[in-house]
């Protein structure tokens, strides 16, 4: 985290070691893969409440993500207030109406067809919590001085990935929702101008009749997402 006047490098002995023998590491990696395959984005949520400490712990986990120059250029807003969720839904659906009525273009709409999305976003009011992710274009010190943040989209994306994994680890479901544009969220949630909203995550327990699009189970096979260059190849 940036602090004015801290300009020297001070090494700290690695405080935690979680390394395993190769066989145990392989087993752990495969176990994590199997568990992450059970993560699903859902649009139907149970009315069962989610205690705030669970949300706080998941967001704290997101805050441990690496970031450019360790500036941690993100902010998370967690909302359970029904009236505020309703206002967010209203704003999101206004943007979606423009999107689906021609703003997106035919190719984009065709790509979304198998996902089953549309203008109506009941998950924004049905989910017990909404977590809005903001990316900070620049930082501000306690005395009001502005400083540059680095790799903001990349850093915020990593933190959001941590958050989604933490929510799944807690047994919760979420939906990665990105109305376009999202400028209405900053003023509505009282966030400063230098913070850009990048995602809304409805969060909760899945409804008993929750479904997922069949196409969502199609993942690229490993050879399509991985290239390997070993020392023996040269």
C-alpha atoms as a PDB file:
ATOM      1  CA  UNK A   1       0.000   0.000   0.000  1.00  0.00           C
ATOM      2  CA  UNK A   2       1.362   3.397  -0.999  1.00  0.00           C
ATOM      3  CA  UNK A   3       2.447   5.691   1.801  1.00  0.00           C
ATOM      4  CA  UNK A   4       3.923   9.084   1.165  1.00  0.00           C
ATOM      5  CA  UNK A   5       7.627   9.197   1.943  1.00  0.00           C
ATOM      6  CA  UNK A   6       8.218   5.446   1.790  1.00  0.00           C
ATOM      7  CA  UNK A   7      10.731   5.187  -1.032  1.00  0.00           C
ATOM      8  CA  UNK A   8      13.244   2.569   0.113  1.00  0.00           C
ATOM      9  CA  UNK A   9      13.187  -1.189  -0.289  1.00  0.00           C
ATOM     10  CA  UNK A  10      13.190  -3.214   2.935  1.00  0.00           C
ATOM     11  CA  UNK A  11      13.253  -7.008   2.487  1.00  0.00           C
ATOM     12  CA  UNK A  12      11.183  -9.135   4.853  1.00  0.00           C
ATOM     13  CA  UNK A  13      11.813 -12.822   5.374  1.00  0.00           C
ATOM     14  CA  UNK A  14       9.080 -14.896   3.753  1.00  0.00           C
ATOM     15  CA  UNK A  15       6.528 -14.961   6.595  1.00  0.00           C
ATOM     16  CA  UNK A  16       4.525 -17.997   5.481  1.00  0.00           C
ATOM     17  CA  UNK A  17       5.492 -21.196   3.712  1.00  0.00           C
ATOM     18  CA  UNK A  18       2.828 -23.521   2.375  1.00  0.00           C
ATOM     19  CA  UNK A  19       4.951 -25.540  -0.045  1.00  0.00           C
ATOM     20  CA  UNK A  20       4.337 -29.280  -0.388  1.00  0.00           C
ATOM     21  CA  UNK A  21       6.222 -32.284  -1.766  1.00  0.00           C
ATOM     22  CA  UNK A  22       5.585 -32.775  -5.476  1.00  0.00           C
ATOM     23  CA  UNK A  23       3.061 -35.591  -5.046  1.00  0.00           C
ATOM     24  CA  UNK A  24       1.044 -33.655  -2.488  1.00  0.00           C
ATOM     25  CA  UNK A  25       1.246 -30.511  -4.602  1.00  0.00           C
ATOM     26  CA  UNK A  26      -0.110 -32.443  -7.586  1.00  0.00           C
ATOM     27  CA  UNK A  27      -2.958 -33.817  -5.493  1.00  0.00           C
ATOM     28  CA  UNK A  28      -3.746 -30.372  -4.113  1.00  0.00           C
ATOM     29  CA  UNK A  29      -3.753 -28.816  -7.590  1.00  0.00           C
ATOM     30  CA  UNK A  30      -6.082 -31.490  -8.944  1.00  0.00           C
ATOM     31  CA  UNK A  31      -8.362 -31.181  -5.923  1.00  0.00           C
ATOM     32  CA  UNK A  32      -8.584 -27.411  -6.414  1.00  0.00           C
ATOM     33  CA  UNK A  33      -9.330 -27.896 -10.102  1.00  0.00           C
ATOM     34  CA  UNK A  34     -12.138 -30.311  -9.308  1.00  0.00           C
ATOM     35  CA  UNK A  35     -13.581 -27.902  -6.760  1.00  0.00           C
ATOM     36  CA  UNK A  36     -13.408 -24.896  -9.087  1.00  0.00           C
ATOM     37  CA  UNK A  37     -15.238 -26.890 -11.748  1.00  0.00           C
ATOM     38  CA  UNK A  38     -18.176 -26.805  -9.319  1.00  0.00           C
ATOM     39  CA  UNK A  39     -18.262 -23.007  -9.443  1.00  0.00           C
ATOM     40  CA  UNK A  40     -21.245 -21.731 -11.408  1.00  0.00           C
ATOM     41  CA  UNK A  41     -22.621 -18.294 -12.222  1.00  0.00           C
ATOM     42  CA  UNK A  42     -26.330 -18.287 -11.373  1.00  0.00           C
ATOM     43  CA  UNK A  43     -29.199 -15.844 -11.804  1.00  0.00           C
ATOM     44  CA  UNK A  44     -31.644 -17.433  -9.374  1.00  0.00           C
ATOM     45  CA  UNK A  45     -30.935 -16.781  -5.701  1.00  0.00           C
ATOM     46  CA  UNK A  46     -32.437 -18.071  -2.484  1.00  0.00           C
ATOM     47  CA  UNK A  47     -33.920 -15.487  -0.081  1.00  0.00           C
ATOM     48  CA  UNK A  48     -31.813 -17.071   2.683  1.00  0.00           C
ATOM     49  CA  UNK A  49     -29.770 -14.263   4.285  1.00  0.00           C
ATOM     50  CA  UNK A  50     -25.986 -14.239   4.090  1.00  0.00           C
ATOM     51  CA  UNK A  51     -24.341 -12.964   7.301  1.00  0.00           C
ATOM     52  CA  UNK A  52     -22.202  -9.865   6.833  1.00  0.00           C
ATOM     53  CA  UNK A  53     -19.043 -11.456   8.353  1.00  0.00           C
ATOM     54  CA  UNK A  54     -18.979 -13.963   5.466  1.00  0.00           C
ATOM     55  CA  UNK A  55     -19.064 -11.130   2.930  1.00  0.00           C
ATOM     56  CA  UNK A  56     -16.403  -9.220   4.851  1.00  0.00           C
ATOM     57  CA  UNK A  57     -14.085 -12.242   4.958  1.00  0.00           C
ATOM     58  CA  UNK A  58     -14.446 -12.819   1.208  1.00  0.00           C
ATOM     59  CA  UNK A  59     -13.702  -9.180   0.413  1.00  0.00           C
ATOM     60  CA  UNK A  60     -10.734  -9.270   2.793  1.00  0.00           C
ATOM     61  CA  UNK A  61      -9.471 -12.259   0.802  1.00  0.00           C
ATOM     62  CA  UNK A  62      -9.815 -10.203  -2.384  1.00  0.00           C
ATOM     63  CA  UNK A  63      -7.746  -7.510  -0.729  1.00  0.00           C
ATOM     64  CA  UNK A  64      -4.785  -9.886  -0.445  1.00  0.00           C
ATOM     65  CA  UNK A  65      -4.394  -9.976  -4.240  1.00  0.00           C
ATOM     66  CA  UNK A  66      -1.140  -8.767  -5.806  1.00  0.00           C
ATOM     67  CA  UNK A  67      -1.233  -5.373  -7.513  1.00  0.00           C
ATOM     68  CA  UNK A  68       0.954  -2.965  -9.444  1.00  0.00           C
ATOM     69  CA  UNK A  69       3.443  -1.398  -7.009  1.00  0.00           C
ATOM     70  CA  UNK A  70       1.238  -2.831  -4.237  1.00  0.00           C
ATOM     71  CA  UNK A  71      -1.083   0.178  -4.595  1.00  0.00           C
ATOM     72  CA  UNK A  72      -4.190  -2.019  -4.328  1.00  0.00           C
ATOM     73  CA  UNK A  73      -6.247   0.163  -6.696  1.00  0.00           C
ATOM     74  CA  UNK A  74      -9.677  -1.197  -5.844  1.00  0.00           C
ATOM     75  CA  UNK A  75     -12.685  -0.571  -3.664  1.00  0.00           C
ATOM     76  CA  UNK A  76     -15.630  -2.845  -2.949  1.00  0.00           C
ATOM     77  CA  UNK A  77     -19.123  -1.691  -1.980  1.00  0.00           C
ATOM     78  CA  UNK A  78     -21.361  -4.328  -0.378  1.00  0.00           C
ATOM     79  CA  UNK A  79     -25.098  -3.618  -0.416  1.00  0.00           C
ATOM     80  CA  UNK A  80     -27.948  -5.473   1.251  1.00  0.00           C
ATOM     81  CA  UNK A  81     -30.405  -2.543   1.544  1.00  0.00           C
ATOM     82  CA  UNK A  82     -33.461  -3.481  -0.579  1.00  0.00           C
ATOM     83  CA  UNK A  83     -34.197   0.104  -1.644  1.00  0.00           C
ATOM     84  CA  UNK A  84     -30.652   0.693  -2.840  1.00  0.00           C
ATOM     85  CA  UNK A  85     -30.577  -2.644  -4.651  1.00  0.00           C
ATOM     86  CA  UNK A  86     -33.805  -1.635  -6.397  1.00  0.00           C
ATOM     87  CA  UNK A  87     -32.231   1.634  -7.541  1.00  0.00           C
ATOM     88  CA  UNK A  88     -29.206  -0.228  -8.877  1.00  0.00           C
ATOM     89  CA  UNK A  89     -31.479  -2.631 -10.729  1.00  0.00           C
ATOM     90  CA  UNK A  90     -33.418   0.274 -12.215  1.00  0.00           C
ATOM     91  CA  UNK A  91     -30.227   1.955 -13.394  1.00  0.00           C
ATOM     92  CA  UNK A  92     -28.803  -1.274 -14.787  1.00  0.00           C
ATOM     93  CA  UNK A  93     -31.979  -2.116 -16.676  1.00  0.00           C
ATOM     94  CA  UNK A  94     -32.066   1.355 -18.215  1.00  0.00           C
ATOM     95  CA  UNK A  95     -28.591   0.752 -19.594  1.00  0.00           C
ATOM     96  CA  UNK A  96     -29.544  -2.752 -20.714  1.00  0.00           C
ATOM     97  CA  UNK A  97     -32.573  -1.480 -22.636  1.00  0.00           C
ATOM     98  CA  UNK A  98     -30.281   0.734 -24.703  1.00  0.00           C
ATOM     99  CA  UNK A  99     -27.822  -2.148 -25.090  1.00  0.00           C
ATOM    100  CA  UNK A 100     -30.379  -4.671 -26.332  1.00  0.00           C
ATOM    101  CA  UNK A 101     -32.249  -2.200 -28.529  1.00  0.00           C
ATOM    102  CA  UNK A 102     -29.281  -1.650 -30.810  1.00  0.00           C
ATOM    103  CA  UNK A 103     -26.332  -0.411 -28.794  1.00  0.00           C
ATOM    104  CA  UNK A 104     -24.686  -3.819 -28.696  1.00  0.00           C
ATOM    105  CA  UNK A 105     -24.763  -4.725 -32.372  1.00  0.00           C
ATOM    106  CA  UNK A 106     -25.965  -7.957 -33.941  1.00  0.00           C
ATOM    107  CA  UNK A 107     -22.763  -9.952 -33.413  1.00  0.00           C
ATOM    108  CA  UNK A 108     -22.625  -9.246 -29.686  1.00  0.00           C
ATOM    109  CA  UNK A 109     -26.309 -10.047 -29.202  1.00  0.00           C
ATOM    110  CA  UNK A 110     -25.883 -13.298 -31.127  1.00  0.00           C
ATOM    111  CA  UNK A 111     -22.966 -14.247 -28.861  1.00  0.00           C
ATOM    112  CA  UNK A 112     -25.169 -13.658 -25.801  1.00  0.00           C
ATOM    113  CA  UNK A 113     -28.113 -15.665 -27.112  1.00  0.00           C
ATOM    114  CA  UNK A 114     -26.921 -19.049 -25.698  1.00  0.00           C
ATOM    115  CA  UNK A 115     -26.391 -17.415 -22.294  1.00  0.00           C
ATOM    116  CA  UNK A 116     -30.056 -16.435 -22.029  1.00  0.00           C
ATOM    117  CA  UNK A 117     -29.518 -12.854 -20.902  1.00  0.00           C
ATOM    118  CA  UNK A 118     -31.956  -9.993 -21.429  1.00  0.00           C
ATOM    119  CA  UNK A 119     -33.066  -6.600 -20.173  1.00  0.00           C
ATOM    120  CA  UNK A 120     -34.740  -7.853 -16.989  1.00  0.00           C
ATOM    121  CA  UNK A 121     -32.292  -8.315 -14.095  1.00  0.00           C
ATOM    122  CA  UNK A 122     -34.264  -9.723 -11.138  1.00  0.00           C
ATOM    123  CA  UNK A 123     -31.078 -11.149  -9.633  1.00  0.00           C
ATOM    124  CA  UNK A 124     -30.058  -7.598  -8.703  1.00  0.00           C
ATOM    125  CA  UNK A 125     -32.893  -7.432  -6.187  1.00  0.00           C
ATOM    126  CA  UNK A 126     -33.281 -11.142  -5.406  1.00  0.00           C
ATOM    127  CA  UNK A 127     -29.682 -11.721  -4.270  1.00  0.00           C
ATOM    128  CA  UNK A 128     -29.125 -10.935  -0.571  1.00  0.00           C
ATOM    129  CA  UNK A 129     -26.026  -8.904  -1.427  1.00  0.00           C
ATOM    130  CA  UNK A 130     -24.638  -6.883  -4.291  1.00  0.00           C
ATOM    131  CA  UNK A 131     -20.899  -6.259  -4.351  1.00  0.00           C
ATOM    132  CA  UNK A 132     -19.873  -3.459  -6.694  1.00  0.00           C
ATOM    133  CA  UNK A 133     -16.211  -3.489  -7.712  1.00  0.00           C
ATOM    134  CA  UNK A 134     -14.516  -0.155  -8.371  1.00  0.00           C
ATOM    135  CA  UNK A 135     -11.103   0.410  -9.966  1.00  0.00           C
ATOM    136  CA  UNK A 136      -9.189   3.470  -8.742  1.00  0.00           C
ATOM    137  CA  UNK A 137      -7.682   5.398 -11.656  1.00  0.00           C
ATOM    138  CA  UNK A 138      -5.331   7.103  -9.210  1.00  0.00           C
ATOM    139  CA  UNK A 139      -4.866   7.190  -5.461  1.00  0.00           C
ATOM    140  CA  UNK A 140      -5.192   9.991  -2.928  1.00  0.00           C
ATOM    141  CA  UNK A 141      -3.086  10.294   0.219  1.00  0.00           C
ATOM    142  CA  UNK A 142      -4.566  11.238   3.591  1.00  0.00           C
ATOM    143  CA  UNK A 143      -3.496  14.825   3.034  1.00  0.00           C
ATOM    144  CA  UNK A 144      -5.216  14.960  -0.350  1.00  0.00           C
ATOM    145  CA  UNK A 145      -2.225  14.540  -2.663  1.00  0.00           C
ATOM    146  CA  UNK A 146      -2.810  12.520  -5.819  1.00  0.00           C
ATOM    147  CA  UNK A 147      -0.497   9.645  -6.783  1.00  0.00           C
ATOM    148  CA  UNK A 148      -0.362   7.357  -9.800  1.00  0.00           C
ATOM    149  CA  UNK A 149      -1.671   3.801  -9.736  1.00  0.00           C
ATOM    150  CA  UNK A 150      -0.173   1.158 -12.011  1.00  0.00           C
ATOM    151  CA  UNK A 151      -1.739  -1.722 -13.953  1.00  0.00           C
ATOM    152  CA  UNK A 152      -5.150  -0.774 -12.606  1.00  0.00           C
ATOM    153  CA  UNK A 153      -7.333  -3.034 -14.823  1.00  0.00           C
ATOM    154  CA  UNK A 154      -5.009  -5.995 -14.354  1.00  0.00           C
ATOM    155  CA  UNK A 155      -4.753  -5.528 -10.580  1.00  0.00           C
ATOM    156  CA  UNK A 156      -8.490  -5.055 -10.107  1.00  0.00           C
ATOM    157  CA  UNK A 157      -9.176  -8.068 -12.310  1.00  0.00           C
ATOM    158  CA  UNK A 158      -6.919 -10.251 -10.162  1.00  0.00           C
ATOM    159  CA  UNK A 159      -8.617  -9.037  -6.974  1.00  0.00           C
ATOM    160  CA  UNK A 160     -12.037  -9.729  -8.469  1.00  0.00           C
ATOM    161  CA  UNK A 161     -10.904 -13.246  -9.337  1.00  0.00           C
ATOM    162  CA  UNK A 162      -9.784 -13.730  -5.741  1.00  0.00           C
ATOM    163  CA  UNK A 163     -13.208 -12.501  -4.581  1.00  0.00           C
ATOM    164  CA  UNK A 164     -15.123 -14.872  -6.849  1.00  0.00           C
ATOM    165  CA  UNK A 165     -12.978 -17.805  -5.693  1.00  0.00           C
ATOM    166  CA  UNK A 166     -13.465 -16.806  -2.032  1.00  0.00           C
ATOM    167  CA  UNK A 167     -17.238 -16.609  -2.460  1.00  0.00           C
ATOM    168  CA  UNK A 168     -17.233 -20.065  -4.032  1.00  0.00           C
ATOM    169  CA  UNK A 169     -15.040 -21.390  -1.217  1.00  0.00           C
ATOM    170  CA  UNK A 170     -17.677 -20.122   1.244  1.00  0.00           C
ATOM    171  CA  UNK A 171     -20.367 -22.033  -0.653  1.00  0.00           C
ATOM    172  CA  UNK A 172     -21.910 -18.915  -2.189  1.00  0.00           C
ATOM    173  CA  UNK A 173     -22.808 -18.197  -5.788  1.00  0.00           C
ATOM    174  CA  UNK A 174     -22.441 -14.968  -7.705  1.00  0.00           C
ATOM    175  CA  UNK A 175     -23.047 -13.570 -11.164  1.00  0.00           C
ATOM    176  CA  UNK A 176     -20.529 -11.425 -13.010  1.00  0.00           C
ATOM    177  CA  UNK A 177     -22.777  -8.578 -14.173  1.00  0.00           C
ATOM    178  CA  UNK A 178     -21.447  -5.675 -16.240  1.00  0.00           C
ATOM    179  CA  UNK A 179     -24.098  -3.214 -17.424  1.00  0.00           C
ATOM    180  CA  UNK A 180     -22.612  -0.931 -20.044  1.00  0.00           C
ATOM    181  CA  UNK A 181     -22.004   1.859 -19.207  1.00  0.00           C
ATOM    182  CA  UNK A 182     -22.015   1.874 -15.386  1.00  0.00           C
ATOM    183  CA  UNK A 183     -21.434   5.560 -14.691  1.00  0.00           C
ATOM    184  CA  UNK A 184     -24.606   5.769 -12.608  1.00  0.00           C
ATOM    185  CA  UNK A 185     -23.066   3.611  -9.870  1.00  0.00           C
ATOM    186  CA  UNK A 186     -20.424   6.084  -8.682  1.00  0.00           C
ATOM    187  CA  UNK A 187     -22.796   8.920  -7.726  1.00  0.00           C
ATOM    188  CA  UNK A 188     -25.415   6.485  -6.448  1.00  0.00           C
ATOM    189  CA  UNK A 189     -22.941   4.842  -4.066  1.00  0.00           C
ATOM    190  CA  UNK A 190     -21.089   8.011  -3.112  1.00  0.00           C
ATOM    191  CA  UNK A 191     -17.788   7.009  -4.669  1.00  0.00           C
ATOM    192  CA  UNK A 192     -15.273   9.635  -5.860  1.00  0.00           C
ATOM    193  CA  UNK A 193     -14.759  10.524  -9.509  1.00  0.00           C
ATOM    194  CA  UNK A 194     -11.419   8.734  -9.756  1.00  0.00           C
ATOM    195  CA  UNK A 195     -13.066   5.368  -9.098  1.00  0.00           C
ATOM    196  CA  UNK A 196     -14.526   3.525 -12.093  1.00  0.00           C
ATOM    197  CA  UNK A 197     -17.205   0.845 -11.525  1.00  0.00           C
ATOM    198  CA  UNK A 198     -16.237  -2.318 -13.376  1.00  0.00           C
ATOM    199  CA  UNK A 199     -18.573  -5.054 -12.130  1.00  0.00           C
ATOM    200  CA  UNK A 200     -21.642  -5.829 -10.058  1.00  0.00           C
ATOM    201  CA  UNK A 201     -21.634  -9.179  -8.289  1.00  0.00           C
ATOM    202  CA  UNK A 202     -25.020 -10.358  -6.996  1.00  0.00           C
ATOM    203  CA  UNK A 203     -24.106 -12.768  -4.189  1.00  0.00           C
ATOM    204  CA  UNK A 204     -26.069 -15.356  -2.261  1.00  0.00           C
ATOM    205  CA  UNK A 205     -27.068 -18.976  -1.908  1.00  0.00           C
ATOM    206  CA  UNK A 206     -28.450 -20.573  -5.093  1.00  0.00           C
ATOM    207  CA  UNK A 207     -32.198 -21.048  -5.331  1.00  0.00           C
ATOM    208  CA  UNK A 208     -33.541 -24.591  -5.187  1.00  0.00           C
ATOM    209  CA  UNK A 209     -34.537 -24.327  -8.843  1.00  0.00           C
ATOM    210  CA  UNK A 210     -31.389 -22.488  -9.983  1.00  0.00           C
ATOM    211  CA  UNK A 211     -30.224 -23.198 -13.520  1.00  0.00           C
ATOM    212  CA  UNK A 212     -27.165 -22.446 -15.626  1.00  0.00           C
ATOM    213  CA  UNK A 213     -26.920 -22.155 -19.410  1.00  0.00           C
ATOM    214  CA  UNK A 214     -25.843 -25.458 -20.921  1.00  0.00           C
ATOM    215  CA  UNK A 215     -23.220 -23.625 -22.957  1.00  0.00           C
ATOM    216  CA  UNK A 216     -21.570 -22.436 -19.725  1.00  0.00           C
ATOM    217  CA  UNK A 217     -20.317 -25.968 -19.129  1.00  0.00           C
ATOM    218  CA  UNK A 218     -18.288 -25.875 -22.320  1.00  0.00           C
ATOM    219  CA  UNK A 219     -14.742 -24.963 -21.377  1.00  0.00           C
ATOM    220  CA  UNK A 220     -11.799 -24.882 -23.728  1.00  0.00           C
ATOM    221  CA  UNK A 221      -9.632 -27.998 -23.369  1.00  0.00           C
ATOM    222  CA  UNK A 222      -6.197 -27.545 -21.853  1.00  0.00           C
ATOM    223  CA  UNK A 223      -4.274 -27.709 -25.179  1.00  0.00           C
ATOM    224  CA  UNK A 224      -6.239 -24.666 -26.390  1.00  0.00           C
ATOM    225  CA  UNK A 225      -5.315 -22.511 -23.400  1.00  0.00           C
ATOM    226  CA  UNK A 226      -1.783 -23.746 -22.665  1.00  0.00           C
ATOM    227  CA  UNK A 227       1.528 -23.663 -24.527  1.00  0.00           C
ATOM    228  CA  UNK A 228       4.587 -25.284 -22.945  1.00  0.00           C
ATOM    229  CA  UNK A 229       8.288 -24.687 -23.656  1.00  0.00           C
ATOM    230  CA  UNK A 230      10.441 -27.068 -21.625  1.00  0.00           C
ATOM    231  CA  UNK A 231      14.195 -26.957 -21.336  1.00  0.00           C
ATOM    232  CA  UNK A 232      14.411 -30.299 -23.115  1.00  0.00           C
ATOM    233  CA  UNK A 233      12.665 -28.757 -26.143  1.00  0.00           C
ATOM    234  CA  UNK A 234      15.682 -26.582 -26.955  1.00  0.00           C
END
